Amino acid sequence: MTDTPAPPENPAQVRRTTLYLTLAQVPEGKVVTYGQLADMAGLGRAARWVGRTLSQLPNDTKLPWHRVLAAGGRISLPAGSASGDEQRARLRMEGISVLNNRVDIQRHGWRPVEHSG
């Protein structure tokens, strides 16, 4: 039996994988902004790229895309759109209040504990 190394991923795949692994860690009942998610994933100031990438997720994804918001806790998906209504419903099911198309980041924002060695 031989161990064959996995084919190397291209840089775009590595970025996406890093983003998805970081997003998967956002706990139920908590939210992050596109910019925070990019920063946590080590992707720098890539908020727009994060939004564009998440918009391309398949409909049956298990990733908690609904926990990602625009700056200031604003929901960027339009009210009345299928995805916007789904995001609002999912957030409310997790106990997150949505008022005037916004979520209170101070109350519901995820702040992962920083580990220092």
PDB file of N, CA and C in Angstrom:
ATOM      1  N   MET A   1       0.844  -1.186   0.000  1.00  0.00           N
ATOM      2  CA  MET A   1       0.000   0.000   0.000  1.00  0.00           C
ATOM      3  C   MET A   1       0.881   1.238   0.000  1.00  0.00           C
ATOM      4  N   THR A   2       0.616   2.146  -0.897  1.00  0.00           N
ATOM      5  CA  THR A   2       1.415   3.366  -0.965  1.00  0.00           C
ATOM      6  C   THR A   2       0.553   4.554  -0.595  1.00  0.00           C
ATOM      7  N   ASP A   3       1.174   5.496   0.047  1.00  0.00           N
ATOM      8  CA  ASP A   3       0.496   6.749   0.371  1.00  0.00           C
ATOM      9  C   ASP A   3       0.731   7.709  -0.774  1.00  0.00           C
ATOM     10  N   THR A   4      -0.323   8.038  -1.475  1.00  0.00           N
ATOM     11  CA  THR A   4      -0.185   9.007  -2.557  1.00  0.00           C
ATOM     12  C   THR A   4      -0.616  10.362  -2.031  1.00  0.00           C
ATOM     13  N   PRO A   5       0.237  11.340  -2.178  1.00  0.00           N
ATOM     14  CA  PRO A   5      -0.133  12.667  -1.681  1.00  0.00           C
ATOM     15  C   PRO A   5      -1.290  13.239  -2.487  1.00  0.00           C
ATOM     16  N   ALA A   6      -2.113  13.995  -1.791  1.00  0.00           N
ATOM     17  CA  ALA A   6      -3.233  14.657  -2.467  1.00  0.00           C
ATOM     18  C   ALA A   6      -2.675  15.668  -3.458  1.00  0.00           C
ATOM     19  N   PRO A   7      -3.359  15.864  -4.573  1.00  0.00           N
ATOM     20  CA  PRO A   7      -2.864  16.862  -5.519  1.00  0.00           C
ATOM     21  C   PRO A   7      -2.878  18.244  -4.858  1.00  0.00           C
ATOM     22  N   PRO A   8      -1.886  19.047  -5.143  1.00  0.00           N
ATOM     23  CA  PRO A   8      -1.846  20.364  -4.511  1.00  0.00           C
ATOM     24  C   PRO A   8      -3.040  21.206  -4.946  1.00  0.00           C
ATOM     25  N   GLU A   9      -3.595  21.928  -3.987  1.00  0.00           N
ATOM     26  CA  GLU A   9      -4.719  22.805  -4.307  1.00  0.00           C
ATOM     27  C   GLU A   9      -4.176  24.107  -4.885  1.00  0.00           C
ATOM     28  N   ASN A  10      -4.943  24.689  -5.773  1.00  0.00           N
ATOM     29  CA  ASN A  10      -4.507  25.983  -6.288  1.00  0.00           C
ATOM     30  C   ASN A  10      -4.859  27.061  -5.257  1.00  0.00           C
ATOM     31  N   PRO A  11      -4.249  28.228  -5.364  1.00  0.00           N
ATOM     32  CA  PRO A  11      -4.462  29.273  -4.349  1.00  0.00           C
ATOM     33  C   PRO A  11      -5.931  29.650  -4.140  1.00  0.00           C
ATOM     34  N   ALA A  12      -6.732  29.642  -5.202  1.00  0.00           N
ATOM     35  CA  ALA A  12      -8.150  29.987  -5.054  1.00  0.00           C
ATOM     36  C   ALA A  12      -8.871  28.934  -4.217  1.00  0.00           C
ATOM     37  N   GLN A  13      -8.542  27.651  -4.431  1.00  0.00           N
ATOM     38  CA  GLN A  13      -9.157  26.586  -3.645  1.00  0.00           C
ATOM     39  C   GLN A  13      -8.742  26.695  -2.176  1.00  0.00           C
ATOM     40  N   VAL A  14      -7.490  27.029  -1.944  1.00  0.00           N
ATOM     41  CA  VAL A  14      -6.995  27.167  -0.577  1.00  0.00           C
ATOM     42  C   VAL A  14      -7.748  28.298   0.133  1.00  0.00           C
ATOM     43  N   ARG A  15      -7.926  29.419  -0.552  1.00  0.00           N
ATOM     44  CA  ARG A  15      -8.667  30.560   0.039  1.00  0.00           C
ATOM     45  C   ARG A  15     -10.097  30.166   0.388  1.00  0.00           C
ATOM     46  N   ARG A  16     -10.762  29.498  -0.553  1.00  0.00           N
ATOM     47  CA  ARG A  16     -12.153  29.079  -0.314  1.00  0.00           C
ATOM     48  C   ARG A  16     -12.230  28.100   0.852  1.00  0.00           C
ATOM     49  N   THR A  17     -11.336  27.119   0.870  1.00  0.00           N
ATOM     50  CA  THR A  17     -11.336  26.118   1.945  1.00  0.00           C
ATOM     51  C   THR A  17     -11.111  26.790   3.291  1.00  0.00           C
ATOM     52  N   THR A  18     -10.181  27.719   3.346  1.00  0.00           N
ATOM     53  CA  THR A  18      -9.912  28.445   4.587  1.00  0.00           C
ATOM     54  C   THR A  18     -11.145  29.219   5.034  1.00  0.00           C
ATOM     55  N   LEU A  19     -11.807  29.872   4.092  1.00  0.00           N
ATOM     56  CA  LEU A  19     -13.029  30.610   4.400  1.00  0.00           C
ATOM     57  C   LEU A  19     -14.095  29.669   4.952  1.00  0.00           C
ATOM     58  N   TYR A  20     -14.326  28.548   4.278  1.00  0.00           N
ATOM     59  CA  TYR A  20     -15.371  27.613   4.692  1.00  0.00           C
ATOM     60  C   TYR A  20     -15.079  27.020   6.070  1.00  0.00           C
ATOM     61  N   LEU A  21     -13.826  26.681   6.333  1.00  0.00           N
ATOM     62  CA  LEU A  21     -13.464  26.128   7.650  1.00  0.00           C
ATOM     63  C   LEU A  21     -13.703  27.154   8.756  1.00  0.00           C
ATOM     64  N   THR A  22     -13.423  28.416   8.468  1.00  0.00           N
ATOM     65  CA  THR A  22     -13.643  29.473   9.454  1.00  0.00           C
ATOM     66  C   THR A  22     -15.133  29.697   9.661  1.00  0.00           C
ATOM     67  N   LEU A  23     -15.891  29.765   8.585  1.00  0.00           N
ATOM     68  CA  LEU A  23     -17.333  29.957   8.680  1.00  0.00           C
ATOM     69  C   LEU A  23     -17.989  28.834   9.473  1.00  0.00           C
ATOM     70  N   ALA A  24     -17.528  27.606   9.287  1.00  0.00           N
ATOM     71  CA  ALA A  24     -18.111  26.453   9.974  1.00  0.00           C
ATOM     72  C   ALA A  24     -17.982  26.570  11.497  1.00  0.00           C
ATOM     73  N   GLN A  25     -17.057  27.396  11.970  1.00  0.00           N
ATOM     74  CA  GLN A  25     -16.837  27.551  13.409  1.00  0.00           C
ATOM     75  C   GLN A  25     -17.780  28.563  14.059  1.00  0.00           C
ATOM     76  N   VAL A  26     -18.471  29.371  13.280  1.00  0.00           N
ATOM     77  CA  VAL A  26     -19.371  30.381  13.846  1.00  0.00           C
ATOM     78  C   VAL A  26     -20.531  29.648  14.512  1.00  0.00           C
ATOM     79  N   PRO A  27     -20.666  29.802  15.844  1.00  0.00           N
ATOM     80  CA  PRO A  27     -21.672  29.020  16.561  1.00  0.00           C
ATOM     81  C   PRO A  27     -23.098  29.518  16.353  1.00  0.00           C
ATOM     82  N   GLU A  28     -24.033  28.624  16.589  1.00  0.00           N
ATOM     83  CA  GLU A  28     -25.444  28.952  16.519  1.00  0.00           C
ATOM     84  C   GLU A  28     -25.744  30.107  17.467  1.00  0.00           C
ATOM     85  N   GLY A  29     -26.564  31.054  17.011  1.00  0.00           N
ATOM     86  CA  GLY A  29     -26.931  32.193  17.845  1.00  0.00           C
ATOM     87  C   GLY A  29     -25.932  33.338  17.807  1.00  0.00           C
ATOM     88  N   LYS A  30     -24.889  33.208  16.979  1.00  0.00           N
ATOM     89  CA  LYS A  30     -23.869  34.253  16.852  1.00  0.00           C
ATOM     90  C   LYS A  30     -23.734  34.650  15.390  1.00  0.00           C
ATOM     91  N   VAL A  31     -23.265  35.863  15.154  1.00  0.00           N
ATOM     92  CA  VAL A  31     -23.069  36.365  13.795  1.00  0.00           C
ATOM     93  C   VAL A  31     -21.701  37.018  13.665  1.00  0.00           C
ATOM     94  N   VAL A  32     -21.245  37.143  12.428  1.00  0.00           N
ATOM     95  CA  VAL A  32     -20.021  37.876  12.097  1.00  0.00           C
ATOM     96  C   VAL A  32     -20.313  38.709  10.853  1.00  0.00           C
ATOM     97  N   THR A  33     -19.483  39.707  10.615  1.00  0.00           N
ATOM     98  CA  THR A  33     -19.612  40.468   9.379  1.00  0.00           C
ATOM     99  C   THR A  33     -18.704  39.836   8.323  1.00  0.00           C
ATOM    100  N   TYR A  34     -18.951  40.198   7.070  1.00  0.00           N
ATOM    101  CA  TYR A  34     -18.100  39.700   5.987  1.00  0.00           C
ATOM    102  C   TYR A  34     -16.637  40.041   6.262  1.00  0.00           C
ATOM    103  N   GLY A  35     -16.394  41.267   6.705  1.00  0.00           N
ATOM    104  CA  GLY A  35     -15.027  41.698   6.987  1.00  0.00           C
ATOM    105  C   GLY A  35     -14.391  40.944   8.140  1.00  0.00           C
ATOM    106  N   GLN A  36     -15.158  40.715   9.203  1.00  0.00           N
ATOM    107  CA  GLN A  36     -14.631  39.946  10.342  1.00  0.00           C
ATOM    108  C   GLN A  36     -14.285  38.527   9.914  1.00  0.00           C
ATOM    109  N   LEU A  37     -15.160  37.917   9.118  1.00  0.00           N
ATOM    110  CA  LEU A  37     -14.917  36.550   8.666  1.00  0.00           C
ATOM    111  C   LEU A  37     -13.646  36.484   7.825  1.00  0.00           C
ATOM    112  N   ALA A  38     -13.476  37.447   6.929  1.00  0.00           N
ATOM    113  CA  ALA A  38     -12.255  37.493   6.117  1.00  0.00           C
ATOM    114  C   ALA A  38     -11.028  37.613   7.014  1.00  0.00           C
ATOM    115  N   ASP A  39     -11.097  38.497   8.005  1.00  0.00           N
ATOM    116  CA  ASP A  39      -9.977  38.707   8.921  1.00  0.00           C
ATOM    117  C   ASP A  39      -9.681  37.443   9.728  1.00  0.00           C
ATOM    118  N   MET A  40     -10.714  36.815  10.268  1.00  0.00           N
ATOM    119  CA  MET A  40     -10.530  35.589  11.064  1.00  0.00           C
ATOM    120  C   MET A  40      -9.915  34.469  10.237  1.00  0.00           C
ATOM    121  N   ALA A  41     -10.241  34.449   8.942  1.00  0.00           N
ATOM    122  CA  ALA A  41      -9.720  33.406   8.050  1.00  0.00           C
ATOM    123  C   ALA A  41      -8.318  33.749   7.545  1.00  0.00           C
ATOM    124  N   GLY A  42      -7.795  34.909   7.950  1.00  0.00           N
ATOM    125  CA  GLY A  42      -6.461  35.309   7.514  1.00  0.00           C
ATOM    126  C   GLY A  42      -6.435  35.788   6.077  1.00  0.00           C
ATOM    127  N   LEU A  43      -7.561  36.303   5.607  1.00  0.00           N
ATOM    128  CA  LEU A  43      -7.662  36.728   4.210  1.00  0.00           C
ATOM    129  C   LEU A  43      -7.580  38.240   4.045  1.00  0.00           C
ATOM    130  N   GLY A  44      -7.263  38.929   5.116  1.00  0.00           N
ATOM    131  CA  GLY A  44      -7.112  40.377   5.024  1.00  0.00           C
ATOM    132  C   GLY A  44      -8.431  41.089   4.809  1.00  0.00           C
ATOM    133  N   ARG A  45      -8.366  42.153   4.029  1.00  0.00           N
ATOM    134  CA  ARG A  45      -9.544  42.987   3.781  1.00  0.00           C
ATOM    135  C   ARG A  45     -10.286  42.482   2.550  1.00  0.00           C
ATOM    136  N   ALA A  46     -10.895  41.317   2.705  1.00  0.00           N
ATOM    137  CA  ALA A  46     -11.531  40.668   1.557  1.00  0.00           C
ATOM    138  C   ALA A  46     -13.034  40.503   1.762  1.00  0.00           C
ATOM    139  N   ALA A  47     -13.671  41.477   2.391  1.00  0.00           N
ATOM    140  CA  ALA A  47     -15.100  41.369   2.693  1.00  0.00           C
ATOM    141  C   ALA A  47     -15.932  41.133   1.430  1.00  0.00           C
ATOM    142  N   ARG A  48     -15.649  41.861   0.379  1.00  0.00           N
ATOM    143  CA  ARG A  48     -16.437  41.698  -0.858  1.00  0.00           C
ATOM    144  C   ARG A  48     -16.226  40.329  -1.471  1.00  0.00           C
ATOM    145  N   TRP A  49     -14.987  39.847  -1.429  1.00  0.00           N
ATOM    146  CA  TRP A  49     -14.701  38.510  -1.944  1.00  0.00           C
ATOM    147  C   TRP A  49     -15.466  37.457  -1.130  1.00  0.00           C
ATOM    148  N   VAL A  50     -15.507  37.633   0.194  1.00  0.00           N
ATOM    149  CA  VAL A  50     -16.244  36.704   1.057  1.00  0.00           C
ATOM    150  C   VAL A  50     -17.724  36.693   0.646  1.00  0.00           C
ATOM    151  N   GLY A  51     -18.314  37.864   0.490  1.00  0.00           N
ATOM    152  CA  GLY A  51     -19.714  37.940   0.088  1.00  0.00           C
ATOM    153  C   GLY A  51     -19.974  37.274  -1.243  1.00  0.00           C
ATOM    154  N   ARG A  52     -19.110  37.532  -2.199  1.00  0.00           N
ATOM    155  CA  ARG A  52     -19.259  36.947  -3.537  1.00  0.00           C
ATOM    156  C   ARG A  52     -19.118  35.421  -3.454  1.00  0.00           C
ATOM    157  N   THR A  53     -18.149  34.943  -2.685  1.00  0.00           N
ATOM    158  CA  THR A  53     -17.911  33.505  -2.564  1.00  0.00           C
ATOM    159  C   THR A  53     -19.089  32.813  -1.874  1.00  0.00           C
ATOM    160  N   LEU A  54     -19.614  33.422  -0.814  1.00  0.00           N
ATOM    161  CA  LEU A  54     -20.746  32.820  -0.113  1.00  0.00           C
ATOM    162  C   LEU A  54     -21.999  32.811  -0.989  1.00  0.00           C
ATOM    163  N   SER A  55     -22.123  33.790  -1.874  1.00  0.00           N
ATOM    164  CA  SER A  55     -23.298  33.832  -2.754  1.00  0.00           C
ATOM    165  C   SER A  55     -23.288  32.679  -3.762  1.00  0.00           C
ATOM    166  N   GLN A  56     -22.141  32.037  -3.916  1.00  0.00           N
ATOM    167  CA  GLN A  56     -22.012  30.938  -4.878  1.00  0.00           C
ATOM    168  C   GLN A  56     -22.141  29.562  -4.224  1.00  0.00           C
ATOM    169  N   LEU A  57     -22.429  29.522  -2.916  1.00  0.00           N
ATOM    170  CA  LEU A  57     -22.596  28.237  -2.241  1.00  0.00           C
ATOM    171  C   LEU A  57     -23.807  27.505  -2.821  1.00  0.00           C
ATOM    172  N   PRO A  58     -23.756  26.175  -2.862  1.00  0.00           N
ATOM    173  CA  PRO A  58     -24.924  25.434  -3.345  1.00  0.00           C
ATOM    174  C   PRO A  58     -26.098  25.587  -2.375  1.00  0.00           C
ATOM    175  N   ASN A  59     -27.312  25.456  -2.881  1.00  0.00           N
ATOM    176  CA  ASN A  59     -28.516  25.630  -2.062  1.00  0.00           C
ATOM    177  C   ASN A  59     -28.578  24.689  -0.877  1.00  0.00           C
ATOM    178  N   ASP A  60     -27.993  23.492  -0.997  1.00  0.00           N
ATOM    179  CA  ASP A  60     -28.077  22.509   0.076  1.00  0.00           C
ATOM    180  C   ASP A  60     -26.861  22.529   1.007  1.00  0.00           C
ATOM    181  N   THR A  61     -26.098  23.615   1.003  1.00  0.00           N
ATOM    182  CA  THR A  61     -24.906  23.692   1.845  1.00  0.00           C
ATOM    183  C   THR A  61     -25.277  23.577   3.327  1.00  0.00           C
ATOM    184  N   LYS A  62     -24.386  22.975   4.083  1.00  0.00           N
ATOM    185  CA  LYS A  62     -24.569  22.872   5.538  1.00  0.00           C
ATOM    186  C   LYS A  62     -23.846  24.033   6.249  1.00  0.00           C
ATOM    187  N   LEU A  63     -23.096  24.822   5.502  1.00  0.00           N
ATOM    188  CA  LEU A  63     -22.378  25.950   6.116  1.00  0.00           C
ATOM    189  C   LEU A  63     -23.375  27.007   6.588  1.00  0.00           C
ATOM    190  N   PRO A  64     -23.109  27.639   7.728  1.00  0.00           N
ATOM    191  CA  PRO A  64     -24.042  28.634   8.281  1.00  0.00           C
ATOM    192  C   PRO A  64     -23.883  30.016   7.652  1.00  0.00           C
ATOM    193  N   TRP A  65     -24.113  30.104   6.345  1.00  0.00           N
ATOM    194  CA  TRP A  65     -23.967  31.359   5.595  1.00  0.00           C
ATOM    195  C   TRP A  65     -24.861  32.452   6.157  1.00  0.00           C
ATOM    196  N   HIS A  66     -25.974  32.057   6.748  1.00  0.00           N
ATOM    197  CA  HIS A  66     -26.948  33.029   7.251  1.00  0.00           C
ATOM    198  C   HIS A  66     -26.424  33.821   8.440  1.00  0.00           C
ATOM    199  N   ARG A  67     -25.330  33.386   9.039  1.00  0.00           N
ATOM    200  CA  ARG A  67     -24.746  34.069  10.204  1.00  0.00           C
ATOM    201  C   ARG A  67     -23.762  35.162   9.798  1.00  0.00           C
ATOM    202  N   VAL A  68     -23.620  35.411   8.509  1.00  0.00           N
ATOM    203  CA  VAL A  68     -22.687  36.423   8.022  1.00  0.00           C
ATOM    204  C   VAL A  68     -23.476  37.635   7.533  1.00  0.00           C
ATOM    205  N   LEU A  69     -23.104  38.811   8.059  1.00  0.00           N
ATOM    206  CA  LEU A  69     -23.836  40.047   7.799  1.00  0.00           C
ATOM    207  C   LEU A  69     -22.913  41.113   7.239  1.00  0.00           C
ATOM    208  N   ALA A  70     -23.505  42.153   6.715  1.00  0.00           N
ATOM    209  CA  ALA A  70     -22.733  43.306   6.248  1.00  0.00           C
ATOM    210  C   ALA A  70     -22.289  44.128   7.457  1.00  0.00           C
ATOM    211  N   ALA A  71     -21.475  45.113   7.200  1.00  0.00           N
ATOM    212  CA  ALA A  71     -20.942  45.972   8.268  1.00  0.00           C
ATOM    213  C   ALA A  71     -22.075  46.537   9.122  1.00  0.00           C
ATOM    214  N   GLY A  72     -21.820  46.637  10.408  1.00  0.00           N
ATOM    215  CA  GLY A  72     -22.799  47.196  11.325  1.00  0.00           C
ATOM    216  C   GLY A  72     -23.970  46.283  11.615  1.00  0.00           C
ATOM    217  N   GLY A  73     -23.875  45.017  11.188  1.00  0.00           N
ATOM    218  CA  GLY A  73     -24.947  44.064  11.453  1.00  0.00           C
ATOM    219  C   GLY A  73     -26.088  44.124  10.467  1.00  0.00           C
ATOM    220  N   ARG A  74     -25.873  44.814   9.348  1.00  0.00           N
ATOM    221  CA  ARG A  74     -26.930  44.968   8.350  1.00  0.00           C
ATOM    222  C   ARG A  74     -27.081  43.682   7.531  1.00  0.00           C
ATOM    223  N   ILE A  75     -28.316  43.294   7.298  1.00  0.00           N
ATOM    224  CA  ILE A  75     -28.585  42.154   6.420  1.00  0.00           C
ATOM    225  C   ILE A  75     -28.556  42.682   4.992  1.00  0.00           C
ATOM    226  N   SER A  76     -27.665  42.127   4.189  1.00  0.00           N
ATOM    227  CA  SER A  76     -27.482  42.667   2.845  1.00  0.00           C
ATOM    228  C   SER A  76     -28.428  42.057   1.819  1.00  0.00           C
ATOM    229  N   LEU A  77     -29.013  40.902   2.136  1.00  0.00           N
ATOM    230  CA  LEU A  77     -29.951  40.295   1.191  1.00  0.00           C
ATOM    231  C   LEU A  77     -31.286  41.015   1.277  1.00  0.00           C
ATOM    232  N   PRO A  78     -31.896  41.309   0.140  1.00  0.00           N
ATOM    233  CA  PRO A  78     -33.124  42.106   0.149  1.00  0.00           C
ATOM    234  C   PRO A  78     -34.300  41.399   0.818  1.00  0.00           C
ATOM    235  N   ALA A  79     -35.060  42.168   1.594  1.00  0.00           N
ATOM    236  CA  ALA A  79     -36.299  41.643   2.162  1.00  0.00           C
ATOM    237  C   ALA A  79     -37.226  41.294   1.010  1.00  0.00           C
ATOM    238  N   GLY A  80     -37.922  40.185   1.137  1.00  0.00           N
ATOM    239  CA  GLY A  80     -38.817  39.761   0.072  1.00  0.00           C
ATOM    240  C   GLY A  80     -38.164  38.813  -0.922  1.00  0.00           C
ATOM    241  N   SER A  81     -36.820  38.718  -0.886  1.00  0.00           N
ATOM    242  CA  SER A  81     -36.150  37.745  -1.749  1.00  0.00           C
ATOM    243  C   SER A  81     -36.140  36.405  -1.009  1.00  0.00           C
ATOM    244  N   ALA A  82     -36.101  35.316  -1.751  1.00  0.00           N
ATOM    245  CA  ALA A  82     -36.115  33.993  -1.123  1.00  0.00           C
ATOM    246  C   ALA A  82     -34.943  33.820  -0.164  1.00  0.00           C
ATOM    247  N   SER A  83     -33.743  34.196  -0.603  1.00  0.00           N
ATOM    248  CA  SER A  83     -32.569  34.020   0.263  1.00  0.00           C
ATOM    249  C   SER A  83     -32.600  34.985   1.445  1.00  0.00           C
ATOM    250  N   GLY A  84     -33.072  36.216   1.228  1.00  0.00           N
ATOM    251  CA  GLY A  84     -33.176  37.176   2.323  1.00  0.00           C
ATOM    252  C   GLY A  84     -34.168  36.728   3.381  1.00  0.00           C
ATOM    253  N   ASP A  85     -35.317  36.238   2.930  1.00  0.00           N
ATOM    254  CA  ASP A  85     -36.325  35.744   3.875  1.00  0.00           C
ATOM    255  C   ASP A  85     -35.813  34.520   4.626  1.00  0.00           C
ATOM    256  N   GLU A  86     -35.081  33.655   3.912  1.00  0.00           N
ATOM    257  CA  GLU A  86     -34.518  32.470   4.565  1.00  0.00           C
ATOM    258  C   GLU A  86     -33.489  32.874   5.621  1.00  0.00           C
ATOM    259  N   GLN A  87     -32.639  33.853   5.294  1.00  0.00           N
ATOM    260  CA  GLN A  87     -31.637  34.294   6.259  1.00  0.00           C
ATOM    261  C   GLN A  87     -32.308  34.843   7.518  1.00  0.00           C
ATOM    262  N   ARG A  88     -33.296  35.696   7.355  1.00  0.00           N
ATOM    263  CA  ARG A  88     -33.990  36.274   8.504  1.00  0.00           C
ATOM    264  C   ARG A  88     -34.659  35.187   9.345  1.00  0.00           C
ATOM    265  N   ALA A  89     -35.293  34.224   8.680  1.00  0.00           N
ATOM    266  CA  ALA A  89     -35.970  33.135   9.396  1.00  0.00           C
ATOM    267  C   ALA A  89     -34.967  32.279  10.169  1.00  0.00           C
ATOM    268  N   ARG A  90     -33.843  31.953   9.527  1.00  0.00           N
ATOM    269  CA  ARG A  90     -32.829  31.132  10.208  1.00  0.00           C
ATOM    270  C   ARG A  90     -32.254  31.862  11.426  1.00  0.00           C
ATOM    271  N   LEU A  91     -31.981  33.156  11.269  1.00  0.00           N
ATOM    272  CA  LEU A  91     -31.444  33.922  12.393  1.00  0.00           C
ATOM    273  C   LEU A  91     -32.444  33.940  13.551  1.00  0.00           C
ATOM    274  N   ARG A  92     -33.700  34.184  13.240  1.00  0.00           N
ATOM    275  CA  ARG A  92     -34.726  34.221  14.293  1.00  0.00           C
ATOM    276  C   ARG A  92     -34.878  32.864  14.969  1.00  0.00           C
ATOM    277  N   MET A  93     -34.769  31.771  14.207  1.00  0.00           N
ATOM    278  CA  MET A  93     -34.852  30.427  14.788  1.00  0.00           C
ATOM    279  C   MET A  93     -33.720  30.174  15.773  1.00  0.00           C
ATOM    280  N   GLU A  94     -32.603  30.884  15.600  1.00  0.00           N
ATOM    281  CA  GLU A  94     -31.458  30.745  16.499  1.00  0.00           C
ATOM    282  C   GLU A  94     -31.519  31.738  17.654  1.00  0.00           C
ATOM    283  N   GLY A  95     -32.629  32.477  17.742  1.00  0.00           N
ATOM    284  CA  GLY A  95     -32.785  33.418  18.854  1.00  0.00           C
ATOM    285  C   GLY A  95     -32.173  34.780  18.607  1.00  0.00           C
ATOM    286  N   ILE A  96     -31.837  35.070  17.370  1.00  0.00           N
ATOM    287  CA  ILE A  96     -31.237  36.363  17.026  1.00  0.00           C
ATOM    288  C   ILE A  96     -32.347  37.295  16.567  1.00  0.00           C
ATOM    289  N   SER A  97     -32.446  38.447  17.218  1.00  0.00           N
ATOM    290  CA  SER A  97     -33.490  39.388  16.834  1.00  0.00           C
ATOM    291  C   SER A  97     -33.025  40.237  15.658  1.00  0.00           C
ATOM    292  N   VAL A  98     -33.916  40.409  14.697  1.00  0.00           N
ATOM    293  CA  VAL A  98     -33.662  41.228  13.518  1.00  0.00           C
ATOM    294  C   VAL A  98     -34.629  42.397  13.591  1.00  0.00           C
ATOM    295  N   LEU A  99     -34.083  43.600  13.660  1.00  0.00           N
ATOM    296  CA  LEU A  99     -34.916  44.793  13.768  1.00  0.00           C
ATOM    297  C   LEU A  99     -34.435  45.813  12.740  1.00  0.00           C
ATOM    298  N   ASN A 100     -35.341  46.317  11.924  1.00  0.00           N
ATOM    299  CA  ASN A 100     -34.993  47.283  10.876  1.00  0.00           C
ATOM    300  C   ASN A 100     -33.865  46.778   9.987  1.00  0.00           C
ATOM    301  N   ASN A 101     -33.947  45.494   9.635  1.00  0.00           N
ATOM    302  CA  ASN A 101     -32.973  44.875   8.735  1.00  0.00           C
ATOM    303  C   ASN A 101     -31.571  44.801   9.329  1.00  0.00           C
ATOM    304  N   ARG A 102     -31.471  44.861  10.666  1.00  0.00           N
ATOM    305  CA  ARG A 102     -30.170  44.801  11.340  1.00  0.00           C
ATOM    306  C   ARG A 102     -30.204  43.826  12.506  1.00  0.00           C
ATOM    307  N   VAL A 103     -29.010  43.347  12.836  1.00  0.00           N
ATOM    308  CA  VAL A 103     -28.799  42.509  14.009  1.00  0.00           C
ATOM    309  C   VAL A 103     -27.861  43.274  14.931  1.00  0.00           C
ATOM    310  N   ASP A 104     -28.136  43.250  16.225  1.00  0.00           N
ATOM    311  CA  ASP A 104     -27.283  43.926  17.209  1.00  0.00           C
ATOM    312  C   ASP A 104     -25.975  43.143  17.346  1.00  0.00           C
ATOM    313  N   ILE A 105     -24.921  43.674  16.739  1.00  0.00           N
ATOM    314  CA  ILE A 105     -23.616  42.999  16.743  1.00  0.00           C
ATOM    315  C   ILE A 105     -23.049  42.918  18.165  1.00  0.00           C
ATOM    316  N   GLN A 106     -23.283  43.950  18.976  1.00  0.00           N
ATOM    317  CA  GLN A 106     -22.773  43.914  20.354  1.00  0.00           C
ATOM    318  C   GLN A 106     -23.365  42.726  21.108  1.00  0.00           C
ATOM    319  N   ARG A 107     -24.620  42.459  20.861  1.00  0.00           N
ATOM    320  CA  ARG A 107     -25.317  41.389  21.582  1.00  0.00           C
ATOM    321  C   ARG A 107     -25.079  40.020  20.969  1.00  0.00           C
ATOM    322  N   HIS A 108     -25.088  39.937  19.644  1.00  0.00           N
ATOM    323  CA  HIS A 108     -25.045  38.639  18.971  1.00  0.00           C
ATOM    324  C   HIS A 108     -23.732  38.352  18.246  1.00  0.00           C
ATOM    325  N   GLY A 109     -22.806  39.306  18.255  1.00  0.00           N
ATOM    326  CA  GLY A 109     -21.551  39.102  17.529  1.00  0.00           C
ATOM    327  C   GLY A 109     -20.689  38.019  18.153  1.00  0.00           C
ATOM    328  N   TRP A 110     -20.034  37.249  17.301  1.00  0.00           N
ATOM    329  CA  TRP A 110     -19.150  36.176  17.760  1.00  0.00           C
ATOM    330  C   TRP A 110     -17.754  36.718  17.938  1.00  0.00           C
ATOM    331  N   ARG A 111     -17.205  36.536  19.111  1.00  0.00           N
ATOM    332  CA  ARG A 111     -15.837  36.923  19.392  1.00  0.00           C
ATOM    333  C   ARG A 111     -15.082  35.698  19.856  1.00  0.00           C
ATOM    334  N   PRO A 112     -14.452  34.984  18.937  1.00  0.00           N
ATOM    335  CA  PRO A 112     -13.730  33.774  19.344  1.00  0.00           C
ATOM    336  C   PRO A 112     -12.597  34.124  20.301  1.00  0.00           C
ATOM    337  N   VAL A 113     -12.371  33.251  21.246  1.00  0.00           N
ATOM    338  CA  VAL A 113     -11.301  33.467  22.222  1.00  0.00           C
ATOM    339  C   VAL A 113      -9.970  33.341  21.520  1.00  0.00           C
ATOM    340  N   GLU A 114      -9.116  34.320  21.751  1.00  0.00           N
ATOM    341  CA  GLU A 114      -7.779  34.277  21.166  1.00  0.00           C
ATOM    342  C   GLU A 114      -6.893  33.432  22.079  1.00  0.00           C
ATOM    343  N   HIS A 115      -6.185  32.502  21.500  1.00  0.00           N
ATOM    344  CA  HIS A 115      -5.267  31.666  22.284  1.00  0.00           C
ATOM    345  C   HIS A 115      -3.856  32.192  22.101  1.00  0.00           C
ATOM    346  N   SER A 116      -3.209  32.423  23.204  1.00  0.00           N
ATOM    347  CA  SER A 116      -1.811  32.884  23.110  1.00  0.00           C
ATOM    348  C   SER A 116      -0.929  31.857  23.784  1.00  0.00           C
ATOM    349  N   GLY A 117       0.252  31.686  23.230  1.00  0.00           N
ATOM    350  CA  GLY A 117       1.142  30.640  23.713  1.00  0.00           C
ATOM    351  C   GLY A 117       2.178  31.187  24.575  1.00  0.00           C
TER     352      GLY A 117
END
